[in-house]
């Protein structure tokens, strides 16, 4: 059944809000992983997120929480989401913020293809051209910075593939409530962090505890927004709005880390934004028809 255009618009707005939330988290995460290990950041971030989620899921029946529908897909989603966050924090510790985000902007092209193959969502020629154009803008934005080195590049590409898997499985599990999906995600991240953190744990002063907890609160809000967005609209409609993350990456990188974008980066951003807006216009027109 075709979703009405109002649902598409609501999904786009929620995805845009999630992108802003994730971008703020990325800034804070880049600053924190300069001092703390990725695992340690995941532990404290997940604890804060679970405290926020607890009141939201207390009304859920215990059997729904302990025996979720489609458990293998739920587990795959949790693994993809947890490892993707770890990969991003690792990559951003080795590259400028905007460059790292630019790699992640390859996500829509993978999601569009995977959604067509696995979820049987529409991917006609016009949509595919728009997604590829946006990806071309990403490559243009990266410019000469593609030679960041084999390790950060490999970590970033792996993170992009994991994030694509996370988004596609989230769309496939849209029948599960958003707080429950977020709960599983944060529990998975907590378990992963607890296993890895003892190898590189350092004392955390109180101000940094507050920052790490804020990381969790903003992160869970963004996860809830993504989950609801993908429940309202098909992945090819809302995922291209992930391209806006590069705008925030450039702005926040300049404000907080003195990372000044060059002309090639700005040209790429213009292509990315244009492709995203054109694709959304096509989707809204198709929904009205």
C-alpha atoms as a PDB file:
ATOM      1  CA  UNK A   1       0.000   0.000   0.000  1.00  0.00           C
ATOM      2  CA  UNK A   2       1.291   3.478  -0.900  1.00  0.00           C
ATOM      3  CA  UNK A   3       1.862   5.826   2.026  1.00  0.00           C
ATOM      4  CA  UNK A   4       0.176   9.268   1.809  1.00  0.00           C
ATOM      5  CA  UNK A   5       2.431  12.301   1.213  1.00  0.00           C
ATOM      6  CA  UNK A   6       1.833  13.523   4.785  1.00  0.00           C
ATOM      7  CA  UNK A   7       3.551  10.401   6.097  1.00  0.00           C
ATOM      8  CA  UNK A   8       6.443  10.943   3.709  1.00  0.00           C
ATOM      9  CA  UNK A   9       6.850  14.544   4.883  1.00  0.00           C
ATOM     10  CA  UNK A  10       6.697  13.519   8.540  1.00  0.00           C
ATOM     11  CA  UNK A  11       9.321  10.846   7.886  1.00  0.00           C
ATOM     12  CA  UNK A  12      11.597  13.374   6.183  1.00  0.00           C
ATOM     13  CA  UNK A  13      11.284  15.845   9.078  1.00  0.00           C
ATOM     14  CA  UNK A  14      12.049  13.144  11.629  1.00  0.00           C
ATOM     15  CA  UNK A  15      15.063  11.929   9.651  1.00  0.00           C
ATOM     16  CA  UNK A  16      16.341  15.517   9.382  1.00  0.00           C
ATOM     17  CA  UNK A  17      16.017  15.962  13.146  1.00  0.00           C
ATOM     18  CA  UNK A  18      17.823  12.660  13.688  1.00  0.00           C
ATOM     19  CA  UNK A  19      20.654  13.756  11.402  1.00  0.00           C
ATOM     20  CA  UNK A  20      21.134  16.925  13.449  1.00  0.00           C
ATOM     21  CA  UNK A  21      21.132  14.877  16.665  1.00  0.00           C
ATOM     22  CA  UNK A  22      23.676  12.403  15.302  1.00  0.00           C
ATOM     23  CA  UNK A  23      25.851  15.272  14.067  1.00  0.00           C
ATOM     24  CA  UNK A  24      25.909  16.846  17.536  1.00  0.00           C
ATOM     25  CA  UNK A  25      26.797  13.432  18.931  1.00  0.00           C
ATOM     26  CA  UNK A  26      29.600  13.115  16.387  1.00  0.00           C
ATOM     27  CA  UNK A  27      31.147  16.396  17.523  1.00  0.00           C
ATOM     28  CA  UNK A  28      31.009  15.361  21.147  1.00  0.00           C
ATOM     29  CA  UNK A  29      32.224  11.856  20.336  1.00  0.00           C
ATOM     30  CA  UNK A  30      35.217  13.130  18.353  1.00  0.00           C
ATOM     31  CA  UNK A  31      36.250  15.255  21.306  1.00  0.00           C
ATOM     32  CA  UNK A  32      35.776  12.439  23.844  1.00  0.00           C
ATOM     33  CA  UNK A  33      37.575   9.661  21.919  1.00  0.00           C
ATOM     34  CA  UNK A  34      40.686  11.821  22.000  1.00  0.00           C
ATOM     35  CA  UNK A  35      40.826  10.929  25.716  1.00  0.00           C
ATOM     36  CA  UNK A  36      38.741   7.789  26.198  1.00  0.00           C
ATOM     37  CA  UNK A  37      38.525   4.504  24.322  1.00  0.00           C
ATOM     38  CA  UNK A  38      35.609   3.817  21.988  1.00  0.00           C
ATOM     39  CA  UNK A  39      34.418   1.033  24.312  1.00  0.00           C
ATOM     40  CA  UNK A  40      34.438   3.311  27.350  1.00  0.00           C
ATOM     41  CA  UNK A  41      32.421   5.916  25.469  1.00  0.00           C
ATOM     42  CA  UNK A  42      29.908   3.248  24.418  1.00  0.00           C
ATOM     43  CA  UNK A  43      29.445   2.029  28.011  1.00  0.00           C
ATOM     44  CA  UNK A  44      28.627   5.399  29.560  1.00  0.00           C
ATOM     45  CA  UNK A  45      26.624   6.497  26.523  1.00  0.00           C
ATOM     46  CA  UNK A  46      24.507   3.352  26.699  1.00  0.00           C
ATOM     47  CA  UNK A  47      23.884   3.650  30.445  1.00  0.00           C
ATOM     48  CA  UNK A  48      22.491   7.167  29.974  1.00  0.00           C
ATOM     49  CA  UNK A  49      20.346   6.056  27.045  1.00  0.00           C
ATOM     50  CA  UNK A  50      18.895   3.115  28.993  1.00  0.00           C
ATOM     51  CA  UNK A  51      17.928   5.418  31.866  1.00  0.00           C
ATOM     52  CA  UNK A  52      15.979   7.534  29.381  1.00  0.00           C
ATOM     53  CA  UNK A  53      14.371   4.512  27.703  1.00  0.00           C
ATOM     54  CA  UNK A  54      13.315   2.713  30.893  1.00  0.00           C
ATOM     55  CA  UNK A  55      10.096   4.738  31.459  1.00  0.00           C
ATOM     56  CA  UNK A  56       9.172   4.363  27.773  1.00  0.00           C
ATOM     57  CA  UNK A  57       9.311   0.568  27.717  1.00  0.00           C
ATOM     58  CA  UNK A  58       7.955  -0.258  31.168  1.00  0.00           C
ATOM     59  CA  UNK A  59       4.475  -0.697  29.705  1.00  0.00           C
ATOM     60  CA  UNK A  60       5.689  -3.252  27.204  1.00  0.00           C
ATOM     61  CA  UNK A  61       4.837  -6.826  28.110  1.00  0.00           C
ATOM     62  CA  UNK A  62       7.805  -8.796  29.383  1.00  0.00           C
ATOM     63  CA  UNK A  63       7.237 -11.501  26.790  1.00  0.00           C
ATOM     64  CA  UNK A  64       7.497  -8.908  23.998  1.00  0.00           C
ATOM     65  CA  UNK A  65      10.822  -7.677  25.349  1.00  0.00           C
ATOM     66  CA  UNK A  66      12.330 -11.091  26.089  1.00  0.00           C
ATOM     67  CA  UNK A  67      10.859 -12.868  23.067  1.00  0.00           C
ATOM     68  CA  UNK A  68      10.896 -10.335  20.251  1.00  0.00           C
ATOM     69  CA  UNK A  69       9.391 -11.042  16.867  1.00  0.00           C
ATOM     70  CA  UNK A  70      11.925 -11.985  14.181  1.00  0.00           C
ATOM     71  CA  UNK A  71      14.758 -12.400  16.731  1.00  0.00           C
ATOM     72  CA  UNK A  72      17.461 -13.132  14.154  1.00  0.00           C
ATOM     73  CA  UNK A  73      16.715  -9.909  12.316  1.00  0.00           C
ATOM     74  CA  UNK A  74      16.628  -8.041  15.626  1.00  0.00           C
ATOM     75  CA  UNK A  75      20.057  -9.442  16.494  1.00  0.00           C
ATOM     76  CA  UNK A  76      21.434  -8.528  13.073  1.00  0.00           C
ATOM     77  CA  UNK A  77      20.152  -4.952  13.503  1.00  0.00           C
ATOM     78  CA  UNK A  78      21.747  -4.631  16.950  1.00  0.00           C
ATOM     79  CA  UNK A  79      25.089  -5.961  15.682  1.00  0.00           C
ATOM     80  CA  UNK A  80      25.082  -3.614  12.683  1.00  0.00           C
ATOM     81  CA  UNK A  81      24.158  -0.583  14.796  1.00  0.00           C
ATOM     82  CA  UNK A  82      26.674  -1.280  17.563  1.00  0.00           C
ATOM     83  CA  UNK A  83      29.624  -1.992  15.281  1.00  0.00           C
ATOM     84  CA  UNK A  84      28.740   1.002  13.076  1.00  0.00           C
ATOM     85  CA  UNK A  85      28.925   3.406  16.033  1.00  0.00           C
ATOM     86  CA  UNK A  86      32.258   1.918  17.085  1.00  0.00           C
ATOM     87  CA  UNK A  87      33.565   2.209  13.516  1.00  0.00           C
ATOM     88  CA  UNK A  88      32.490   5.848  13.262  1.00  0.00           C
ATOM     89  CA  UNK A  89      34.165   6.857  16.521  1.00  0.00           C
ATOM     90  CA  UNK A  90      37.310   5.019  15.486  1.00  0.00           C
ATOM     91  CA  UNK A  91      37.340   6.659  12.053  1.00  0.00           C
ATOM     92  CA  UNK A  92      36.644  10.156  13.361  1.00  0.00           C
ATOM     93  CA  UNK A  93      39.584   9.822  15.744  1.00  0.00           C
ATOM     94  CA  UNK A  94      41.836   9.474  12.662  1.00  0.00           C
ATOM     95  CA  UNK A  95      40.205  11.891  10.164  1.00  0.00           C
ATOM     96  CA  UNK A  96      38.592  15.343  10.149  1.00  0.00           C
ATOM     97  CA  UNK A  97      34.915  15.359  11.107  1.00  0.00           C
ATOM     98  CA  UNK A  98      33.591  16.455   7.695  1.00  0.00           C
ATOM     99  CA  UNK A  99      35.725  13.879   5.858  1.00  0.00           C
ATOM    100  CA  UNK A 100      34.437  11.074   8.079  1.00  0.00           C
ATOM    101  CA  UNK A 101      30.846  12.178   7.577  1.00  0.00           C
ATOM    102  CA  UNK A 102      31.417  12.357   3.824  1.00  0.00           C
ATOM    103  CA  UNK A 103      32.212   8.639   3.775  1.00  0.00           C
ATOM    104  CA  UNK A 104      28.943   7.959   5.609  1.00  0.00           C
ATOM    105  CA  UNK A 105      27.076   9.888   2.932  1.00  0.00           C
ATOM    106  CA  UNK A 106      27.550   6.893   0.655  1.00  0.00           C
ATOM    107  CA  UNK A 107      24.842   5.215   2.769  1.00  0.00           C
ATOM    108  CA  UNK A 108      21.785   6.185   0.641  1.00  0.00           C
ATOM    109  CA  UNK A 109      23.060   4.453  -2.472  1.00  0.00           C
ATOM    110  CA  UNK A 110      23.602   1.192  -0.561  1.00  0.00           C
ATOM    111  CA  UNK A 111      20.263   1.521   1.234  1.00  0.00           C
ATOM    112  CA  UNK A 112      18.380   2.234  -1.990  1.00  0.00           C
ATOM    113  CA  UNK A 113      19.818  -0.858  -3.656  1.00  0.00           C
ATOM    114  CA  UNK A 114      19.376  -3.112  -0.594  1.00  0.00           C
ATOM    115  CA  UNK A 115      15.794  -1.899  -0.065  1.00  0.00           C
ATOM    116  CA  UNK A 116      14.941  -2.759  -3.662  1.00  0.00           C
ATOM    117  CA  UNK A 117      16.568  -6.192  -3.433  1.00  0.00           C
ATOM    118  CA  UNK A 118      15.493  -7.238   0.064  1.00  0.00           C
ATOM    119  CA  UNK A 119      12.363  -5.195   0.869  1.00  0.00           C
ATOM    120  CA  UNK A 120      11.022  -4.887  -2.692  1.00  0.00           C
ATOM    121  CA  UNK A 121      10.707  -1.111  -2.433  1.00  0.00           C
ATOM    122  CA  UNK A 122      10.615   0.946  -5.612  1.00  0.00           C
ATOM    123  CA  UNK A 123      13.866   2.089  -7.164  1.00  0.00           C
ATOM    124  CA  UNK A 124      13.148   3.432 -10.622  1.00  0.00           C
ATOM    125  CA  UNK A 125      15.629   5.121 -12.926  1.00  0.00           C
ATOM    126  CA  UNK A 126      14.946   8.651 -11.647  1.00  0.00           C
ATOM    127  CA  UNK A 127      15.432   7.717  -8.008  1.00  0.00           C
ATOM    128  CA  UNK A 128      18.592   5.774  -8.724  1.00  0.00           C
ATOM    129  CA  UNK A 129      20.078   8.652 -10.749  1.00  0.00           C
ATOM    130  CA  UNK A 130      19.366  11.065  -7.876  1.00  0.00           C
ATOM    131  CA  UNK A 131      21.039   8.786  -5.343  1.00  0.00           C
ATOM    132  CA  UNK A 132      24.082   8.270  -7.575  1.00  0.00           C
ATOM    133  CA  UNK A 133      24.303  12.037  -8.155  1.00  0.00           C
ATOM    134  CA  UNK A 134      24.329  12.590  -4.415  1.00  0.00           C
ATOM    135  CA  UNK A 135      27.105  10.034  -4.047  1.00  0.00           C
ATOM    136  CA  UNK A 136      29.066  11.827  -6.764  1.00  0.00           C
ATOM    137  CA  UNK A 137      28.718  14.961  -4.678  1.00  0.00           C
ATOM    138  CA  UNK A 138      30.175  13.056  -1.734  1.00  0.00           C
ATOM    139  CA  UNK A 139      33.222  12.057  -3.778  1.00  0.00           C
ATOM    140  CA  UNK A 140      33.598  15.639  -4.950  1.00  0.00           C
ATOM    141  CA  UNK A 141      33.387  16.880  -1.380  1.00  0.00           C
ATOM    142  CA  UNK A 142      36.050  14.453  -0.274  1.00  0.00           C
ATOM    143  CA  UNK A 143      38.371  15.569  -3.069  1.00  0.00           C
ATOM    144  CA  UNK A 144      42.026  15.012  -2.305  1.00  0.00           C
ATOM    145  CA  UNK A 145      41.180  13.781   1.203  1.00  0.00           C
ATOM    146  CA  UNK A 146      40.374  10.309  -0.137  1.00  0.00           C
ATOM    147  CA  UNK A 147      44.049   9.473   0.476  1.00  0.00           C
ATOM    148  CA  UNK A 148      43.550   9.519   4.243  1.00  0.00           C
ATOM    149  CA  UNK A 149      45.314   6.180   4.575  1.00  0.00           C
ATOM    150  CA  UNK A 150      44.280   2.551   4.318  1.00  0.00           C
ATOM    151  CA  UNK A 151      43.252   2.073   7.971  1.00  0.00           C
ATOM    152  CA  UNK A 152      40.834   5.020   8.400  1.00  0.00           C
ATOM    153  CA  UNK A 153      39.489   4.450   4.887  1.00  0.00           C
ATOM    154  CA  UNK A 154      38.847   0.751   5.555  1.00  0.00           C
ATOM    155  CA  UNK A 155      37.205   1.494   8.915  1.00  0.00           C
ATOM    156  CA  UNK A 156      35.014   4.166   7.329  1.00  0.00           C
ATOM    157  CA  UNK A 157      33.882   1.962   4.423  1.00  0.00           C
ATOM    158  CA  UNK A 158      33.104  -0.874   6.831  1.00  0.00           C
ATOM    159  CA  UNK A 159      31.098   1.537   8.973  1.00  0.00           C
ATOM    160  CA  UNK A 160      29.099   2.701   5.948  1.00  0.00           C
ATOM    161  CA  UNK A 161      28.161  -0.884   5.059  1.00  0.00           C
ATOM    162  CA  UNK A 162      27.147  -1.581   8.660  1.00  0.00           C
ATOM    163  CA  UNK A 163      25.043   1.585   8.829  1.00  0.00           C
ATOM    164  CA  UNK A 164      23.281   0.639   5.605  1.00  0.00           C
ATOM    165  CA  UNK A 165      22.443  -2.745   7.106  1.00  0.00           C
ATOM    166  CA  UNK A 166      21.174  -1.052  10.258  1.00  0.00           C
ATOM    167  CA  UNK A 167      18.801   1.213   8.309  1.00  0.00           C
ATOM    168  CA  UNK A 168      17.445  -1.564   6.080  1.00  0.00           C
ATOM    169  CA  UNK A 169      16.787  -3.890   9.032  1.00  0.00           C
ATOM    170  CA  UNK A 170      15.135  -1.013  10.906  1.00  0.00           C
ATOM    171  CA  UNK A 171      12.752  -0.526   7.991  1.00  0.00           C
ATOM    172  CA  UNK A 172      12.061  -4.288   7.899  1.00  0.00           C
ATOM    173  CA  UNK A 173      11.234  -4.245  11.650  1.00  0.00           C
ATOM    174  CA  UNK A 174       8.899  -1.237  11.494  1.00  0.00           C
ATOM    175  CA  UNK A 175       6.177  -3.272  13.223  1.00  0.00           C
ATOM    176  CA  UNK A 176       8.234  -3.155  16.458  1.00  0.00           C
ATOM    177  CA  UNK A 177       7.819  -0.050  18.610  1.00  0.00           C
ATOM    178  CA  UNK A 178      10.564   2.556  18.395  1.00  0.00           C
ATOM    179  CA  UNK A 179      11.446   2.522  22.145  1.00  0.00           C
ATOM    180  CA  UNK A 180      11.834  -1.275  22.088  1.00  0.00           C
ATOM    181  CA  UNK A 181      14.120  -1.146  19.045  1.00  0.00           C
ATOM    182  CA  UNK A 182      16.174   1.597  20.715  1.00  0.00           C
ATOM    183  CA  UNK A 183      16.334  -0.466  23.917  1.00  0.00           C
ATOM    184  CA  UNK A 184      17.748  -3.492  22.101  1.00  0.00           C
ATOM    185  CA  UNK A 185      20.251  -1.234  20.342  1.00  0.00           C
ATOM    186  CA  UNK A 186      21.538   0.342  23.538  1.00  0.00           C
ATOM    187  CA  UNK A 187      21.732  -2.997  25.365  1.00  0.00           C
ATOM    188  CA  UNK A 188      23.823  -4.346  22.502  1.00  0.00           C
ATOM    189  CA  UNK A 189      26.155  -1.358  22.645  1.00  0.00           C
ATOM    190  CA  UNK A 190      26.445  -1.698  26.431  1.00  0.00           C
ATOM    191  CA  UNK A 191      27.375  -5.392  26.217  1.00  0.00           C
ATOM    192  CA  UNK A 192      29.957  -4.701  23.516  1.00  0.00           C
ATOM    193  CA  UNK A 193      31.433  -1.833  25.523  1.00  0.00           C
ATOM    194  CA  UNK A 194      31.600  -3.840  28.752  1.00  0.00           C
ATOM    195  CA  UNK A 195      33.464  -6.646  26.994  1.00  0.00           C
ATOM    196  CA  UNK A 196      36.024  -4.306  25.421  1.00  0.00           C
ATOM    197  CA  UNK A 197      36.318  -1.457  27.972  1.00  0.00           C
ATOM    198  CA  UNK A 198      38.479  -3.247  30.612  1.00  0.00           C
ATOM    199  CA  UNK A 199      41.358  -3.283  28.124  1.00  0.00           C
ATOM    200  CA  UNK A 200      41.536   0.533  27.986  1.00  0.00           C
ATOM    201  CA  UNK A 201      39.637   2.069  30.902  1.00  0.00           C
ATOM    202  CA  UNK A 202      40.790   5.414  32.283  1.00  0.00           C
ATOM    203  CA  UNK A 203      39.316   7.449  35.172  1.00  0.00           C
ATOM    204  CA  UNK A 204      36.545   9.844  34.107  1.00  0.00           C
ATOM    205  CA  UNK A 205      36.202  13.230  35.880  1.00  0.00           C
ATOM    206  CA  UNK A 206      32.690  14.384  36.748  1.00  0.00           C
ATOM    207  CA  UNK A 207      32.353  16.994  33.958  1.00  0.00           C
ATOM    208  CA  UNK A 208      33.217  14.363  31.351  1.00  0.00           C
ATOM    209  CA  UNK A 209      30.719  11.949  32.906  1.00  0.00           C
ATOM    210  CA  UNK A 210      28.047  14.563  32.217  1.00  0.00           C
ATOM    211  CA  UNK A 211      29.207  14.893  28.600  1.00  0.00           C
ATOM    212  CA  UNK A 212      29.207  11.135  28.103  1.00  0.00           C
ATOM    213  CA  UNK A 213      25.704  10.913  29.555  1.00  0.00           C
ATOM    214  CA  UNK A 214      24.567  13.703  27.244  1.00  0.00           C
ATOM    215  CA  UNK A 215      25.961  11.636  24.384  1.00  0.00           C
ATOM    216  CA  UNK A 216      23.561   8.864  25.333  1.00  0.00           C
ATOM    217  CA  UNK A 217      20.494  11.083  25.741  1.00  0.00           C
ATOM    218  CA  UNK A 218      20.949  12.778  22.356  1.00  0.00           C
ATOM    219  CA  UNK A 219      21.816   9.469  20.735  1.00  0.00           C
ATOM    220  CA  UNK A 220      18.682   7.675  21.909  1.00  0.00           C
ATOM    221  CA  UNK A 221      16.509  10.587  20.781  1.00  0.00           C
ATOM    222  CA  UNK A 222      18.096  10.383  17.325  1.00  0.00           C
ATOM    223  CA  UNK A 223      17.630   6.592  17.208  1.00  0.00           C
ATOM    224  CA  UNK A 224      13.934   6.983  18.066  1.00  0.00           C
ATOM    225  CA  UNK A 225      13.549   9.582  15.312  1.00  0.00           C
ATOM    226  CA  UNK A 226      15.222   7.315  12.721  1.00  0.00           C
ATOM    227  CA  UNK A 227      13.069   4.348  13.704  1.00  0.00           C
ATOM    228  CA  UNK A 228       9.837   6.337  13.487  1.00  0.00           C
ATOM    229  CA  UNK A 229      10.940   7.935  10.221  1.00  0.00           C
ATOM    230  CA  UNK A 230      11.484   4.541   8.603  1.00  0.00           C
ATOM    231  CA  UNK A 231       8.110   3.342   9.910  1.00  0.00           C
ATOM    232  CA  UNK A 232       6.356   6.282   8.241  1.00  0.00           C
ATOM    233  CA  UNK A 233       8.043   6.263   4.830  1.00  0.00           C
ATOM    234  CA  UNK A 234      10.086   3.958   2.566  1.00  0.00           C
ATOM    235  CA  UNK A 235      13.846   3.978   3.003  1.00  0.00           C
ATOM    236  CA  UNK A 236      14.585   5.547  -0.443  1.00  0.00           C
ATOM    237  CA  UNK A 237      12.392   8.541   0.554  1.00  0.00           C
ATOM    238  CA  UNK A 238      13.958   9.431   3.906  1.00  0.00           C
ATOM    239  CA  UNK A 239      17.499   8.027   3.799  1.00  0.00           C
ATOM    240  CA  UNK A 240      18.782  10.561   1.195  1.00  0.00           C
ATOM    241  CA  UNK A 241      18.236  13.240   3.837  1.00  0.00           C
ATOM    242  CA  UNK A 242      21.232  11.723   5.553  1.00  0.00           C
ATOM    243  CA  UNK A 243      23.162  13.821   3.022  1.00  0.00           C
ATOM    244  CA  UNK A 244      22.477  16.847   5.240  1.00  0.00           C
ATOM    245  CA  UNK A 245      24.945  15.384   7.717  1.00  0.00           C
ATOM    246  CA  UNK A 246      27.833  16.663   5.603  1.00  0.00           C
ATOM    247  CA  UNK A 247      26.521  20.225   6.031  1.00  0.00           C
ATOM    248  CA  UNK A 248      26.574  19.854   9.785  1.00  0.00           C
ATOM    249  CA  UNK A 249      29.985  18.186   9.576  1.00  0.00           C
ATOM    250  CA  UNK A 250      31.473  21.158   7.745  1.00  0.00           C
ATOM    251  CA  UNK A 251      29.840  23.685  10.074  1.00  0.00           C
ATOM    252  CA  UNK A 252      30.712  21.916  13.329  1.00  0.00           C
ATOM    253  CA  UNK A 253      34.200  20.994  12.131  1.00  0.00           C
ATOM    254  CA  UNK A 254      34.863  24.662  11.424  1.00  0.00           C
ATOM    255  CA  UNK A 255      33.375  25.883  14.737  1.00  0.00           C
ATOM    256  CA  UNK A 256      34.849  23.306  17.120  1.00  0.00           C
ATOM    257  CA  UNK A 257      37.986  21.952  15.413  1.00  0.00           C
ATOM    258  CA  UNK A 258      39.141  24.785  13.101  1.00  0.00           C
ATOM    259  CA  UNK A 259      38.660  22.516  10.054  1.00  0.00           C
ATOM    260  CA  UNK A 260      38.120  24.912   7.139  1.00  0.00           C
ATOM    261  CA  UNK A 261      36.410  23.428   4.020  1.00  0.00           C
ATOM    262  CA  UNK A 262      37.940  24.143   0.618  1.00  0.00           C
ATOM    263  CA  UNK A 263      36.114  25.094  -2.596  1.00  0.00           C
ATOM    264  CA  UNK A 264      35.919  21.470  -3.749  1.00  0.00           C
ATOM    265  CA  UNK A 265      34.191  20.455  -0.532  1.00  0.00           C
ATOM    266  CA  UNK A 266      31.620  23.258  -0.865  1.00  0.00           C
ATOM    267  CA  UNK A 267      30.937  22.335  -4.503  1.00  0.00           C
ATOM    268  CA  UNK A 268      30.313  18.757  -3.478  1.00  0.00           C
ATOM    269  CA  UNK A 269      27.917  19.875  -0.766  1.00  0.00           C
ATOM    270  CA  UNK A 270      25.926  21.873  -3.326  1.00  0.00           C
ATOM    271  CA  UNK A 271      25.557  18.749  -5.492  1.00  0.00           C
ATOM    272  CA  UNK A 272      24.559  16.641  -2.472  1.00  0.00           C
ATOM    273  CA  UNK A 273      21.858  19.047  -1.327  1.00  0.00           C
ATOM    274  CA  UNK A 274      20.495  19.471  -4.846  1.00  0.00           C
ATOM    275  CA  UNK A 275      20.239  15.715  -5.372  1.00  0.00           C
ATOM    276  CA  UNK A 276      18.515  15.199  -2.035  1.00  0.00           C
ATOM    277  CA  UNK A 277      15.940  17.939  -2.629  1.00  0.00           C
ATOM    278  CA  UNK A 278      15.194  16.746  -6.158  1.00  0.00           C
ATOM    279  CA  UNK A 279      14.725  13.151  -5.011  1.00  0.00           C
ATOM    280  CA  UNK A 280      12.381  14.224  -2.232  1.00  0.00           C
ATOM    281  CA  UNK A 281      10.326  16.306  -4.681  1.00  0.00           C
ATOM    282  CA  UNK A 282       9.994  13.280  -6.967  1.00  0.00           C
ATOM    283  CA  UNK A 283       8.895  11.084  -4.060  1.00  0.00           C
ATOM    284  CA  UNK A 284       6.282  13.576  -2.836  1.00  0.00           C
ATOM    285  CA  UNK A 285       4.838  13.933  -6.356  1.00  0.00           C
ATOM    286  CA  UNK A 286       4.690  10.142  -6.711  1.00  0.00           C
ATOM    287  CA  UNK A 287       2.921   9.826  -3.340  1.00  0.00           C
ATOM    288  CA  UNK A 288       0.290  12.409  -4.321  1.00  0.00           C
ATOM    289  CA  UNK A 289      -0.392  10.510  -7.561  1.00  0.00           C
END
